[in-house]
């Protein structure tokens, strides 16, 4: 009987370097505690990337000269389980310097199977262009993301799109109609707010709570668990977002050894 593979996946907007001096130990403890097999990041910076490189010695990430892999997003994976096949970026119209759809194709060690992993950070709801026009740029960004996924993902390949969509509904709904279901829907459980997280216990609320961080997959991966961990190290959270964590099952192909 074919045995499925189960993967722990996390997406996390780690809040630039705001209050980094007090948040760094919390982020280190988070990755040590949860040790995800795949970690997708938004609002990455050189300081936070160096911290994660040190805190995750069993993991590899994308190495590339494009500045966005340092200043916006990157993808980490457990090198005991995966090796990189290829990676790339796609311009899907996200407002903001060096913001792209970032992706990597990984092979499972000892097998012919591959997994496609991608992350995005759509435009902030309060961007000046959106305030001026009253029109959400995330609709077109979602449309272009779906087009890119259609071209990049191989036939029959498990594929994930995740990140900070900066929207509680429409981009996620468009992705659902394109064949990508978020991890909570796959389990029939309600979503949980992911922003704002109050980094210390004495920070006053600033915004209405929203679910804007998502993990979605195509039909070749099945969510078996999902949560929004409210993780603190002492009284400090690693970010002003909560992470999303999901466990996915990928069925083993019968013709693999």
Foldseek 3Di string as FASTA:
>chain_A
DFDWDKFKEKEDEQAACVVVVVQLVQVLVVCVVPVGQKYKYFQAAQVNVVSVCVSNVQKDKDDDDQCCCHGTMIMIGRPQFKDWDDWDWAQQPAPDPSFTWTKTWIDTPQKPAIEIETEGAHYACPDPVCVVPVDGPLLSSLVSVLVVCVVPDDPLHKYKYWYFSNDQDDSQVVVVVSAKHWLCVLVVHDDDFFAFQDFFPPDDDDDDTGNGTTMIIGPQKGWPDKDFDNDDDVRGHSHRTTMIMTMIIGTDDPPID
